[in-house]
C-alpha atoms as a PDB file:
ATOM      1  CA  MET A   1       0.000   0.000   0.000  1.00  0.00           C
ATOM      2  CA  ILE A   2       1.525   3.324  -1.075  1.00  0.00           C
ATOM      3  CA  THR A   3       0.159   6.842  -0.683  1.00  0.00           C
ATOM      4  CA  LYS A   4       1.527  10.367  -1.012  1.00  0.00           C
ATOM      5  CA  ARG A   5       0.938  13.173   1.455  1.00  0.00           C
ATOM      6  CA  SER A   6       2.111  16.773   1.796  1.00  0.00           C
ATOM      7  CA  ILE A   7       3.814  18.094   4.905  1.00  0.00           C
ATOM      8  CA  SER A   8       1.852  20.948   6.501  1.00  0.00           C
ATOM      9  CA  GLU A   9       3.360  24.272   7.563  1.00  0.00           C
ATOM     10  CA  LYS A  10       3.608  22.817  11.086  1.00  0.00           C
ATOM     11  CA  GLY A  11       5.511  19.760   9.796  1.00  0.00           C
ATOM     12  CA  GLN A  12       2.522  17.441  10.173  1.00  0.00           C
ATOM     13  CA  ILE A  13       1.265  14.650   7.945  1.00  0.00           C
ATOM     14  CA  VAL A  14      -1.951  12.626   8.084  1.00  0.00           C
ATOM     15  CA  ILE A  15      -1.806   8.831   8.035  1.00  0.00           C
ATOM     16  CA  PRO A  16      -4.774   7.800   5.861  1.00  0.00           C
ATOM     17  CA  LYS A  17      -7.652   6.028   7.574  1.00  0.00           C
ATOM     18  CA  ASP A  18      -7.368   2.908   5.398  1.00  0.00           C
ATOM     19  CA  MET A  19      -3.727   2.501   6.476  1.00  0.00           C
ATOM     20  CA  ARG A  20      -4.566   3.065  10.166  1.00  0.00           C
ATOM     21  CA  THR A  21      -7.373   0.516   9.871  1.00  0.00           C
ATOM     22  CA  TYR A  22      -5.114  -2.017   8.147  1.00  0.00           C
ATOM     23  CA  LEU A  23      -2.484  -1.596  10.890  1.00  0.00           C
ATOM     24  CA  ASN A  24      -5.128  -1.566  13.647  1.00  0.00           C
ATOM     25  CA  TRP A  25      -3.879   1.811  14.930  1.00  0.00           C
ATOM     26  CA  LYS A  26      -6.286   3.595  17.251  1.00  0.00           C
ATOM     27  CA  ASN A  27      -6.640   7.323  18.010  1.00  0.00           C
ATOM     28  CA  LYS A  28      -4.138   8.723  20.530  1.00  0.00           C
ATOM     29  CA  GLU A  29      -1.983   5.601  20.235  1.00  0.00           C
ATOM     30  CA  ASN A  30       1.755   6.226  20.525  1.00  0.00           C
ATOM     31  CA  ILE A  31       3.964   5.621  17.517  1.00  0.00           C
ATOM     32  CA  THR A  32       7.720   5.613  17.017  1.00  0.00           C
ATOM     33  CA  LEU A  33       9.532   7.451  14.227  1.00  0.00           C
ATOM     34  CA  GLU A  34      12.907   6.060  13.195  1.00  0.00           C
ATOM     35  CA  ILE A  35      15.350   7.443  10.652  1.00  0.00           C
ATOM     36  CA  LYS A  36      17.023   4.699   8.631  1.00  0.00           C
ATOM     37  CA  ASP A  37      19.252   5.621   5.723  1.00  0.00           C
ATOM     38  CA  ASN A  38      17.249   8.300   3.890  1.00  0.00           C
ATOM     39  CA  SER A  39      13.813   7.160   5.092  1.00  0.00           C
ATOM     40  CA  VAL A  40      11.523   7.550   8.081  1.00  0.00           C
ATOM     41  CA  ILE A  41       9.984   4.391   9.516  1.00  0.00           C
ATOM     42  CA  ILE A  42       6.728   4.891  11.420  1.00  0.00           C
ATOM     43  CA  LYS A  43       5.662   2.042  13.676  1.00  0.00           C
ATOM     44  CA  LYS A  44       3.445   1.340  16.630  1.00  0.00           C
ATOM     45  CA  GLU A  45       5.235   1.874  19.921  1.00  0.00           C
ATOM     46  CA  GLU A  46       6.571  -1.330  21.447  1.00  0.00           C
ATOM     47  CA  ASN A  47       4.514  -2.723  24.266  1.00  0.00           C
ATOM     48  CA  GLU A  48       6.721  -2.373  27.361  1.00  0.00           C
ATOM     49  CA  LYS A  49       4.654  -4.989  29.205  1.00  0.00           C
ATOM     50  CA  PHE A  50       5.524  -7.521  26.510  1.00  0.00           C
ATOM     51  CA  LEU A  51       9.229  -6.680  26.815  1.00  0.00           C
ATOM     52  CA  GLU A  52       9.103  -6.858  30.594  1.00  0.00           C
ATOM     53  CA  ASP A  53       7.342 -10.253  30.481  1.00  0.00           C
ATOM     54  CA  PHE A  54       9.804 -11.498  27.887  1.00  0.00           C
ATOM     55  CA  LEU A  55      12.790 -10.416  29.966  1.00  0.00           C
ATOM     56  CA  ASN A  56      11.357 -11.991  33.125  1.00  0.00           C
ATOM     57  CA  VAL A  57      11.187 -15.511  31.693  1.00  0.00           C
ATOM     58  CA  PRO A  58      12.765 -17.852  34.292  1.00  0.00           C
ATOM     59  CA  LYS A  59      16.292 -19.221  33.824  1.00  0.00           C
ATOM     60  CA  ILE A  60      17.398 -16.514  31.416  1.00  0.00           C
ATOM     61  CA  LYS A  61      20.669 -14.881  32.314  1.00  0.00           C
ATOM     62  CA  ARG A  62      20.856 -11.274  31.223  1.00  0.00           C
ATOM     63  CA  LYS A  63      23.529  -8.697  31.721  1.00  0.00           C
ATOM     64  CA  SER A  64      21.178  -5.692  31.826  1.00  0.00           C
ATOM     65  CA  SER A  65      18.370  -4.707  34.143  1.00  0.00           C
ATOM     66  CA  TRP A  66      14.904  -3.816  32.854  1.00  0.00           C
ATOM     67  CA  LYS A  67      15.595  -0.167  33.728  1.00  0.00           C
ATOM     68  CA  LYS A  68      18.832  -0.140  31.685  1.00  0.00           C
ATOM     69  CA  ILE A  69      17.168  -1.785  28.673  1.00  0.00           C
ATOM     70  CA  LYS A  70      14.303   0.727  28.804  1.00  0.00           C
ATOM     71  CA  GLU A  71      16.794   3.638  28.923  1.00  0.00           C
ATOM     72  CA  ASP A  72      18.705   2.170  25.965  1.00  0.00           C
ATOM     73  CA  LEU A  73      15.482   1.861  23.924  1.00  0.00           C
ATOM     74  CA  GLU A  74      14.491   5.453  24.728  1.00  0.00           C
ATOM     75  CA  ASN A  75      17.964   6.748  23.827  1.00  0.00           C
ATOM     76  CA  ARG A  76      17.977   4.809  20.544  1.00  0.00           C
ATOM     77  CA  HIS A  77      14.986   6.836  19.320  1.00  0.00           C
ATOM     78  CA  GLU A  78      16.471  10.258  20.116  1.00  0.00           C
ATOM     79  CA  ILE A  79      17.729  12.299  17.195  1.00  0.00           C
ATOM     80  CA  HIS A  80      21.027  14.097  17.770  1.00  0.00           C
END
């Protein structure tokens, strides 16, 4: 699915309803913007509960705490 949109004077774009419906994105849902090469990737924000549950599986040795992993994920999405 491909569509073209213009960027408003405020730097905003609208994600078409058919795309939001296809992706099951709801109003006021958080998304993540990622710059990769010369493109912007827009994706639904990761569910922290899923990550926390995944990292708390018994008998898994990990070198990082949940807090450290969360900080690393937040820092990865900052633009310098």
